[in-house]
C-alpha atoms as a PDB file:
ATOM      1  CA  MET A   1      73.842  28.548  40.110  1.00  0.00           C
ATOM      2  CA  PRO A   2      75.900  26.716  42.740  1.00  0.00           C
ATOM      3  CA  THR A   3      77.458  23.367  41.967  1.00  0.00           C
ATOM      4  CA  ALA A   4      78.242  20.309  44.077  1.00  0.00           C
ATOM      5  CA  HIS A   5      80.905  17.724  43.309  1.00  0.00           C
ATOM      6  CA  VAL A   6      79.186  14.423  44.052  1.00  0.00           C
ATOM      7  CA  ASN A   7      79.528  10.888  42.734  1.00  0.00           C
ATOM      8  CA  GLY A   8      82.488  11.925  40.577  1.00  0.00           C
ATOM      9  CA  ILE A   9      80.660  14.661  38.645  1.00  0.00           C
ATOM     10  CA  LYS A  10      79.651  18.319  38.958  1.00  0.00           C
ATOM     11  CA  VAL A  11      75.924  18.800  39.659  1.00  0.00           C
ATOM     12  CA  SER A  12      74.257  22.194  39.232  1.00  0.00           C
ATOM     13  CA  TYR A  13      71.479  22.919  41.732  1.00  0.00           C
ATOM     14  CA  GLU A  14      69.293  25.678  43.187  1.00  0.00           C
ATOM     15  CA  GLU A  15      67.762  26.165  46.638  1.00  0.00           C
ATOM     16  CA  THR A  16      64.861  28.399  47.546  1.00  0.00           C
ATOM     17  CA  GLY A  17      62.747  28.888  50.645  1.00  0.00           C
ATOM     18  CA  SER A  18      63.243  27.582  54.146  1.00  0.00           C
ATOM     19  CA  GLY A  19      61.796  24.846  56.299  1.00  0.00           C
ATOM     20  CA  GLU A  20      61.743  21.101  55.713  1.00  0.00           C
ATOM     21  CA  PRO A  21      63.474  20.178  52.436  1.00  0.00           C
ATOM     22  CA  VAL A  22      61.884  18.835  49.261  1.00  0.00           C
ATOM     23  CA  VAL A  23      64.194  17.590  46.497  1.00  0.00           C
ATOM     24  CA  MET A  24      62.750  17.650  42.960  1.00  0.00           C
ATOM     25  CA  VAL A  25      64.021  15.246  40.258  1.00  0.00           C
ATOM     26  CA  MET A  26      63.226  16.212  36.654  1.00  0.00           C
ATOM     27  CA  GLY A  27      62.538  13.907  33.703  1.00  0.00           C
ATOM     28  CA  SER A  28      64.614  13.410  30.568  1.00  0.00           C
ATOM     29  CA  GLY A  29      65.672  16.326  28.396  1.00  0.00           C
ATOM     30  CA  ALA A  30      64.680  19.080  30.837  1.00  0.00           C
ATOM     31  CA  GLY A  31      66.486  21.075  33.493  1.00  0.00           C
ATOM     32  CA  GLY A  32      65.549  21.446  37.123  1.00  0.00           C
ATOM     33  CA  ARG A  33      64.200  24.944  36.524  1.00  0.00           C
ATOM     34  CA  SER A  34      61.112  23.384  34.927  1.00  0.00           C
ATOM     35  CA  TRP A  35      59.872  22.919  38.491  1.00  0.00           C
ATOM     36  CA  HIS A  36      60.191  26.670  39.107  1.00  0.00           C
ATOM     37  CA  LEU A  37      57.178  27.542  36.942  1.00  0.00           C
ATOM     38  CA  HIS A  38      54.597  26.084  39.311  1.00  0.00           C
ATOM     39  CA  GLN A  39      55.771  23.569  41.915  1.00  0.00           C
ATOM     40  CA  THR A  40      58.615  25.523  43.519  1.00  0.00           C
ATOM     41  CA  PRO A  41      56.498  28.644  44.252  1.00  0.00           C
ATOM     42  CA  ALA A  42      53.677  26.555  45.735  1.00  0.00           C
ATOM     43  CA  LEU A  43      56.007  24.521  47.940  1.00  0.00           C
ATOM     44  CA  ARG A  44      57.932  27.578  49.072  1.00  0.00           C
ATOM     45  CA  ALA A  45      54.682  29.386  49.926  1.00  0.00           C
ATOM     46  CA  ALA A  46      53.685  26.365  52.016  1.00  0.00           C
ATOM     47  CA  GLY A  47      56.876  26.687  54.052  1.00  0.00           C
ATOM     48  CA  TYR A  48      59.203  24.202  52.389  1.00  0.00           C
ATOM     49  CA  ARG A  49      62.831  24.525  51.336  1.00  0.00           C
ATOM     50  CA  VAL A  50      62.941  23.405  47.687  1.00  0.00           C
ATOM     51  CA  VAL A  51      66.031  21.981  45.997  1.00  0.00           C
ATOM     52  CA  THR A  52      66.035  21.518  42.218  1.00  0.00           C
ATOM     53  CA  PHE A  53      68.952  20.345  40.096  1.00  0.00           C
ATOM     54  CA  ASP A  54      69.996  19.427  36.587  1.00  0.00           C
ATOM     55  CA  ASN A  55      70.435  15.701  36.094  1.00  0.00           C
ATOM     56  CA  ARG A  56      73.637  14.427  34.545  1.00  0.00           C
ATOM     57  CA  GLY A  57      73.323  14.903  30.806  1.00  0.00           C
ATOM     58  CA  ILE A  58      71.773  18.357  31.181  1.00  0.00           C
ATOM     59  CA  PRO A  59      74.259  21.282  31.252  1.00  0.00           C
ATOM     60  CA  PRO A  60      75.598  22.954  33.322  1.00  0.00           C
ATOM     61  CA  THR A  61      75.702  19.617  35.191  1.00  0.00           C
ATOM     62  CA  ASP A  62      78.308  17.361  33.599  1.00  0.00           C
ATOM     63  CA  VAL A  63      77.040  15.896  30.330  1.00  0.00           C
ATOM     64  CA  CYS A  64      78.620  12.431  30.722  1.00  0.00           C
ATOM     65  CA  ALA A  65      78.116  11.799  27.003  1.00  0.00           C
ATOM     66  CA  GLU A  66      79.927   8.468  27.241  1.00  0.00           C
ATOM     67  CA  GLY A  67      76.750   7.081  28.782  1.00  0.00           C
ATOM     68  CA  PHE A  68      75.361   6.275  32.195  1.00  0.00           C
ATOM     69  CA  THR A  69      72.736   4.219  33.999  1.00  0.00           C
ATOM     70  CA  VAL A  70      69.814   4.903  36.300  1.00  0.00           C
ATOM     71  CA  ASP A  71      72.046   3.704  39.141  1.00  0.00           C
ATOM     72  CA  ASP A  72      74.420   6.568  38.341  1.00  0.00           C
ATOM     73  CA  MET A  73      71.530   9.023  38.524  1.00  0.00           C
ATOM     74  CA  VAL A  74      70.362   7.501  41.805  1.00  0.00           C
ATOM     75  CA  ALA A  75      73.869   7.941  43.218  1.00  0.00           C
ATOM     76  CA  ASP A  76      73.953  11.557  41.977  1.00  0.00           C
ATOM     77  CA  THR A  77      70.694  12.351  43.767  1.00  0.00           C
ATOM     78  CA  ALA A  78      71.791  10.596  46.948  1.00  0.00           C
ATOM     79  CA  GLY A  79      75.125  12.411  46.802  1.00  0.00           C
ATOM     80  CA  LEU A  80      73.443  15.803  46.483  1.00  0.00           C
ATOM     81  CA  ILE A  81      71.117  15.066  49.409  1.00  0.00           C
ATOM     82  CA  GLU A  82      74.115  14.108  51.528  1.00  0.00           C
ATOM     83  CA  HIS A  83      76.225  17.040  50.312  1.00  0.00           C
ATOM     84  CA  LEU A  84      73.510  19.486  51.406  1.00  0.00           C
ATOM     85  CA  GLY A  85      72.743  17.593  54.612  1.00  0.00           C
ATOM     86  CA  LEU A  86      69.062  17.160  53.711  1.00  0.00           C
ATOM     87  CA  GLY A  87      68.304  13.550  54.565  1.00  0.00           C
ATOM     88  CA  PRO A  88      65.865  12.228  55.350  1.00  0.00           C
ATOM     89  CA  CYS A  89      63.881  14.522  53.045  1.00  0.00           C
ATOM     90  CA  ARG A  90      60.833  14.548  50.835  1.00  0.00           C
ATOM     91  CA  LEU A  91      61.455  13.597  47.203  1.00  0.00           C
ATOM     92  CA  VAL A  92      59.406  14.364  44.065  1.00  0.00           C
ATOM     93  CA  GLY A  93      60.187  12.953  40.624  1.00  0.00           C
ATOM     94  CA  THR A  94      58.496  12.958  37.242  1.00  0.00           C
ATOM     95  CA  SER A  95      58.946  10.453  34.396  1.00  0.00           C
ATOM     96  CA  LEU A  96      62.663   9.521  34.349  1.00  0.00           C
ATOM     97  CA  GLY A  97      62.969  11.483  37.598  1.00  0.00           C
ATOM     98  CA  ALA A  98      60.273   9.276  39.163  1.00  0.00           C
ATOM     99  CA  HIS A  99      62.230   6.205  38.043  1.00  0.00           C
ATOM    100  CA  VAL A 100      65.276   7.639  39.816  1.00  0.00           C
ATOM    101  CA  ALA A 101      63.231   8.461  42.937  1.00  0.00           C
ATOM    102  CA  GLN A 102      61.700   5.015  43.320  1.00  0.00           C
ATOM    103  CA  GLU A 103      65.069   3.328  42.824  1.00  0.00           C
ATOM    104  CA  LEU A 104      66.569   5.673  45.440  1.00  0.00           C
ATOM    105  CA  CYS A 105      63.899   4.526  47.888  1.00  0.00           C
ATOM    106  CA  LEU A 106      65.241   1.004  47.416  1.00  0.00           C
ATOM    107  CA  ALA A 107      68.952   1.827  47.401  1.00  0.00           C
ATOM    108  CA  ARG A 108      69.059   4.494  50.136  1.00  0.00           C
ATOM    109  CA  PRO A 109      65.757   4.453  52.047  1.00  0.00           C
ATOM    110  CA  GLU A 110      67.295   6.319  54.988  1.00  0.00           C
ATOM    111  CA  LEU A 111      67.549   9.446  52.806  1.00  0.00           C
ATOM    112  CA  VAL A 112      63.831   9.707  51.941  1.00  0.00           C
ATOM    113  CA  SER A 113      60.967  10.468  54.337  1.00  0.00           C
ATOM    114  CA  GLN A 114      58.192  10.710  51.707  1.00  0.00           C
ATOM    115  CA  VAL A 115      58.196  10.269  47.930  1.00  0.00           C
ATOM    116  CA  VAL A 116      55.882  11.476  45.163  1.00  0.00           C
ATOM    117  CA  LEU A 117      56.108   9.775  41.770  1.00  0.00           C
ATOM    118  CA  LEU A 118      54.550  11.590  38.795  1.00  0.00           C
ATOM    119  CA  ALA A 119      53.985   9.766  35.491  1.00  0.00           C
ATOM    120  CA  THR A 120      56.002   6.699  36.395  1.00  0.00           C
ATOM    121  CA  ARG A 121      56.189   3.008  35.586  1.00  0.00           C
ATOM    122  CA  GLY A 122      57.647  -0.204  36.925  1.00  0.00           C
ATOM    123  CA  ARG A 123      57.872  -2.088  33.644  1.00  0.00           C
ATOM    124  CA  THR A 124      57.914  -1.454  29.929  1.00  0.00           C
ATOM    125  CA  ASP A 125      55.691  -2.763  27.143  1.00  0.00           C
ATOM    126  CA  ALA A 126      55.864  -3.166  23.371  1.00  0.00           C
ATOM    127  CA  MET A 127      54.710   0.370  22.584  1.00  0.00           C
ATOM    128  CA  ARG A 128      57.092   2.031  25.042  1.00  0.00           C
ATOM    129  CA  ARG A 129      59.997  -0.121  23.769  1.00  0.00           C
ATOM    130  CA  ALA A 130      59.233   0.884  20.192  1.00  0.00           C
ATOM    131  CA  GLN A 131      58.905   4.539  21.165  1.00  0.00           C
ATOM    132  CA  ALA A 132      62.252   4.547  22.977  1.00  0.00           C
ATOM    133  CA  ARG A 133      63.978   2.810  20.075  1.00  0.00           C
ATOM    134  CA  ALA A 134      62.438   5.266  17.601  1.00  0.00           C
ATOM    135  CA  GLU A 135      63.676   8.261  19.614  1.00  0.00           C
ATOM    136  CA  ARG A 136      67.200   6.851  19.709  1.00  0.00           C
ATOM    137  CA  GLU A 137      67.149   6.116  15.977  1.00  0.00           C
ATOM    138  CA  PHE A 138      65.843   9.598  15.215  1.00  0.00           C
ATOM    139  CA  HIS A 139      68.574  11.212  17.301  1.00  0.00           C
ATOM    140  CA  ASP A 140      71.304   9.026  15.805  1.00  0.00           C
ATOM    141  CA  GLY A 141      70.023   9.757  12.292  1.00  0.00           C
ATOM    142  CA  GLY A 142      70.577  13.476  12.731  1.00  0.00           C
ATOM    143  CA  GLY A 143      67.346  14.486  14.460  1.00  0.00           C
ATOM    144  CA  VAL A 144      66.549  17.292  12.005  1.00  0.00           C
ATOM    145  CA  MET A 145      63.045  18.781  11.822  1.00  0.00           C
ATOM    146  CA  THR A 146      61.673  22.281  11.538  1.00  0.00           C
ATOM    147  CA  PRO A 147      60.992  24.092  14.841  1.00  0.00           C
ATOM    148  CA  LEU A 148      57.238  24.189  14.210  1.00  0.00           C
ATOM    149  CA  TYR A 149      57.042  20.495  13.301  1.00  0.00           C
ATOM    150  CA  GLY A 150      59.017  19.627  16.410  1.00  0.00           C
ATOM    151  CA  ALA A 151      56.724  21.796  18.523  1.00  0.00           C
ATOM    152  CA  THR A 152      53.520  20.265  17.148  1.00  0.00           C
ATOM    153  CA  LEU A 153      54.829  16.719  17.576  1.00  0.00           C
ATOM    154  CA  ARG A 154      55.871  17.459  21.150  1.00  0.00           C
ATOM    155  CA  ALA A 155      52.456  18.947  21.896  1.00  0.00           C
ATOM    156  CA  LEU A 156      50.626  15.925  20.494  1.00  0.00           C
ATOM    157  CA  GLN A 157      52.787  13.544  22.538  1.00  0.00           C
ATOM    158  CA  ASN A 158      52.800  15.370  25.860  1.00  0.00           C
ATOM    159  CA  LEU A 159      49.626  17.428  26.237  1.00  0.00           C
ATOM    160  CA  SER A 160      46.038  16.453  26.922  1.00  0.00           C
ATOM    161  CA  PRO A 161      43.326  16.724  24.245  1.00  0.00           C
ATOM    162  CA  ALA A 162      41.701  19.187  26.652  1.00  0.00           C
ATOM    163  CA  THR A 163      44.671  21.493  26.079  1.00  0.00           C
ATOM    164  CA  LEU A 164      44.987  20.803  22.348  1.00  0.00           C
ATOM    165  CA  ARG A 165      41.439  21.954  21.622  1.00  0.00           C
ATOM    166  CA  GLU A 166      41.877  25.345  23.347  1.00  0.00           C
ATOM    167  CA  ASP A 167      43.224  27.659  20.631  1.00  0.00           C
ATOM    168  CA  LYS A 168      44.745  30.314  22.873  1.00  0.00           C
ATOM    169  CA  GLU A 169      46.271  27.790  25.259  1.00  0.00           C
ATOM    170  CA  ILE A 170      47.804  25.571  22.579  1.00  0.00           C
ATOM    171  CA  THR A 171      49.168  28.594  20.715  1.00  0.00           C
ATOM    172  CA  ASP A 172      51.056  29.577  23.855  1.00  0.00           C
ATOM    173  CA  TRP A 173      52.381  26.033  24.278  1.00  0.00           C
ATOM    174  CA  LEU A 174      53.558  25.875  20.650  1.00  0.00           C
ATOM    175  CA  ASP A 175      55.385  29.181  21.099  1.00  0.00           C
ATOM    176  CA  ILE A 176      57.144  27.799  24.180  1.00  0.00           C
ATOM    177  CA  PHE A 177      58.094  24.552  22.449  1.00  0.00           C
ATOM    178  CA  GLU A 178      59.455  26.403  19.405  1.00  0.00           C
ATOM    179  CA  MET A 179      61.589  28.671  21.602  1.00  0.00           C
ATOM    180  CA  ALA A 180      62.806  25.805  23.798  1.00  0.00           C
ATOM    181  CA  PRO A 181      63.123  22.655  21.677  1.00  0.00           C
ATOM    182  CA  LEU A 182      64.227  19.381  23.194  1.00  0.00           C
ATOM    183  CA  SER A 183      67.977  19.088  23.461  1.00  0.00           C
ATOM    184  CA  ARG A 184      69.862  17.175  20.796  1.00  0.00           C
ATOM    185  CA  LEU A 185      73.085  17.289  22.788  1.00  0.00           C
ATOM    186  CA  PRO A 186      75.031  14.119  23.646  1.00  0.00           C
ATOM    187  CA  GLY A 187      73.909  14.214  27.270  1.00  0.00           C
ATOM    188  CA  TYR A 188      70.255  14.018  26.294  1.00  0.00           C
ATOM    189  CA  ARG A 189      71.096  11.143  23.944  1.00  0.00           C
ATOM    190  CA  ALA A 190      72.726   9.342  26.883  1.00  0.00           C
ATOM    191  CA  GLN A 191      69.521   9.793  28.910  1.00  0.00           C
ATOM    192  CA  LEU A 192      67.572   8.098  26.123  1.00  0.00           C
ATOM    193  CA  ASP A 193      69.526   4.896  26.735  1.00  0.00           C
ATOM    194  CA  ILE A 194      68.092   4.578  30.239  1.00  0.00           C
ATOM    195  CA  ASP A 195      65.213   2.153  29.969  1.00  0.00           C
ATOM    196  CA  LEU A 196      63.526  -0.548  31.984  1.00  0.00           C
ATOM    197  CA  THR A 197      64.719  -3.911  30.699  1.00  0.00           C
ATOM    198  CA  THR A 198      63.117  -5.907  33.513  1.00  0.00           C
ATOM    199  CA  ASP A 199      59.889  -5.728  35.473  1.00  0.00           C
ATOM    200  CA  ARG A 200      60.802  -3.804  38.633  1.00  0.00           C
ATOM    201  CA  ARG A 201      57.422  -4.183  40.330  1.00  0.00           C
ATOM    202  CA  PRO A 202      58.491  -7.160  42.488  1.00  0.00           C
ATOM    203  CA  ALA A 203      61.436  -5.113  43.789  1.00  0.00           C
ATOM    204  CA  TYR A 204      59.178  -2.151  44.543  1.00  0.00           C
ATOM    205  CA  ARG A 205      57.238  -4.322  47.012  1.00  0.00           C
ATOM    206  CA  ARG A 206      60.233  -3.787  49.311  1.00  0.00           C
ATOM    207  CA  ILE A 207      59.828   0.013  49.361  1.00  0.00           C
ATOM    208  CA  THR A 208      58.828   1.166  52.835  1.00  0.00           C
ATOM    209  CA  THR A 209      58.860   4.945  52.211  1.00  0.00           C
ATOM    210  CA  PRO A 210      55.403   6.582  52.366  1.00  0.00           C
ATOM    211  CA  CYS A 211      54.520   7.093  48.707  1.00  0.00           C
ATOM    212  CA  LEU A 212      52.077   9.004  46.528  1.00  0.00           C
ATOM    213  CA  VAL A 213      51.823   8.053  42.849  1.00  0.00           C
ATOM    214  CA  VAL A 214      50.197  10.520  40.458  1.00  0.00           C
ATOM    215  CA  GLY A 215      49.047   9.406  37.021  1.00  0.00           C
ATOM    216  CA  PHE A 216      47.857  11.685  34.236  1.00  0.00           C
ATOM    217  CA  ALA A 217      44.698  10.471  32.533  1.00  0.00           C
ATOM    218  CA  ASP A 218      45.682  11.539  28.993  1.00  0.00           C
ATOM    219  CA  ASP A 219      49.389  10.621  29.199  1.00  0.00           C
ATOM    220  CA  LEU A 220      50.449   8.955  25.931  1.00  0.00           C
ATOM    221  CA  VAL A 221      54.119   8.646  26.880  1.00  0.00           C
ATOM    222  CA  LEU A 222      53.568   6.768  30.158  1.00  0.00           C
ATOM    223  CA  PRO A 223      49.854   5.935  30.333  1.00  0.00           C
ATOM    224  CA  PRO A 224      48.265   6.044  33.793  1.00  0.00           C
ATOM    225  CA  HIS A 225      47.796   2.294  34.066  1.00  0.00           C
ATOM    226  CA  LEU A 226      51.592   1.981  34.304  1.00  0.00           C
ATOM    227  CA  SER A 227      51.678   4.484  37.171  1.00  0.00           C
ATOM    228  CA  ARG A 228      48.798   2.711  38.884  1.00  0.00           C
ATOM    229  CA  GLU A 229      50.758  -0.558  38.733  1.00  0.00           C
ATOM    230  CA  VAL A 230      53.616   1.084  40.651  1.00  0.00           C
ATOM    231  CA  ALA A 231      51.188   2.253  43.340  1.00  0.00           C
ATOM    232  CA  GLU A 232      49.780  -1.264  43.578  1.00  0.00           C
ATOM    233  CA  ALA A 233      53.283  -2.706  43.992  1.00  0.00           C
ATOM    234  CA  ILE A 234      54.475  -0.322  46.746  1.00  0.00           C
ATOM    235  CA  PRO A 235      52.948  -1.272  50.108  1.00  0.00           C
ATOM    236  CA  GLY A 236      50.583   1.406  51.388  1.00  0.00           C
ATOM    237  CA  ALA A 237      51.086   3.728  48.399  1.00  0.00           C
ATOM    238  CA  ARG A 238      48.312   6.177  47.501  1.00  0.00           C
ATOM    239  CA  TYR A 239      47.284   6.722  43.875  1.00  0.00           C
ATOM    240  CA  VAL A 240      45.779   9.893  42.414  1.00  0.00           C
ATOM    241  CA  GLU A 241      44.832  10.324  38.752  1.00  0.00           C
ATOM    242  CA  ILE A 242      44.514  13.818  37.341  1.00  0.00           C
ATOM    243  CA  GLN A 243      42.066  14.357  34.509  1.00  0.00           C
ATOM    244  CA  ASP A 244      42.651  16.407  31.339  1.00  0.00           C
ATOM    245  CA  ALA A 245      46.420  16.082  31.766  1.00  0.00           C
ATOM    246  CA  GLY A 246      49.076  14.575  29.521  1.00  0.00           C
ATOM    247  CA  HIS A 247      52.694  13.664  30.235  1.00  0.00           C
ATOM    248  CA  TYR A 248      53.396  17.285  31.162  1.00  0.00           C
ATOM    249  CA  GLY A 249      50.559  17.228  33.673  1.00  0.00           C
ATOM    250  CA  TYR A 250      52.610  19.036  36.297  1.00  0.00           C
ATOM    251  CA  LEU A 251      52.686  21.978  33.869  1.00  0.00           C
ATOM    252  CA  GLU A 252      49.202  21.570  32.383  1.00  0.00           C
ATOM    253  CA  ARG A 253      47.315  21.116  35.660  1.00  0.00           C
ATOM    254  CA  PRO A 254      49.686  22.594  38.240  1.00  0.00           C
ATOM    255  CA  ASP A 255      47.009  23.451  40.807  1.00  0.00           C
ATOM    256  CA  GLN A 256      45.785  19.853  40.991  1.00  0.00           C
ATOM    257  CA  VAL A 257      49.339  18.497  41.142  1.00  0.00           C
ATOM    258  CA  ASN A 258      50.393  20.995  43.807  1.00  0.00           C
ATOM    259  CA  ASN A 259      47.305  20.276  45.902  1.00  0.00           C
ATOM    260  CA  ALA A 260      48.036  16.553  45.733  1.00  0.00           C
ATOM    261  CA  LEU A 261      51.652  17.123  46.797  1.00  0.00           C
ATOM    262  CA  LEU A 262      50.799  19.413  49.686  1.00  0.00           C
ATOM    263  CA  ASP A 263      47.952  17.217  50.933  1.00  0.00           C
ATOM    264  CA  PHE A 264      50.236  14.191  50.936  1.00  0.00           C
ATOM    265  CA  PHE A 265      53.077  16.023  52.647  1.00  0.00           C
ATOM    266  CA  ALA A 266      50.694  17.244  55.350  1.00  0.00           C
ATOM    267  CA  ARG A 267      49.868  13.625  56.226  1.00  0.00           C
ATOM    268  CA  ARG A 268      53.385  12.988  57.472  1.00  0.00           C
ATOM    269  CA  ALA A 269      53.247  12.141  61.144  1.00  0.00           C
END
């Protein structure tokens, strides 16, 4: 994989396809290749040039275990866009990646022509604060669990009940989660420290980039009402809610997610 030296760090990235560029920003604990299962092939087939990358904290991008902020991640993404000469370009982010994308629309609006935010939020609440604190405490306490227990917990947190009740489908998911557990490396721990400490919805009223927000109806990590609030805050934003999808909705219901992306992109004047 090629690397770019931007914002003082080394960022690992991949490009595929040709045409107008789409930059994909992944959520916490996962690499950019997660997009390659479903979204990258669909976008490439539709004639787009797709750029995916590993956020800081996720090797082979620099780990930056000493800690970092969402502003650092925004600057990384902006730096990569500029390094590759992509701006203004379309931007897609999920979870933490959506947080980065919406902040980039505020900080560097000239770099983004359209933005899609999957499973996002503009504020936190008591449950999300407790969940984030619990994850940090678990990691700092050693983070030891059996592979199967880790896989089942991850499935319960991130998948829809519609997936959990399908024996063949959930068996496949559990196999994947056991083979590819969440990272316990210092870079992932640093990502866990990135949280919303203030309500960003008033700031998001200044976003002028055409925006699509996608919520997942069965998302327990970032419930859809939080995504809907972001759409309500951003002037002119569209909101789509995908049924029978949890936090990993872009993997659970890829056809619906891809159709929403492509339909939105086609609306660009």
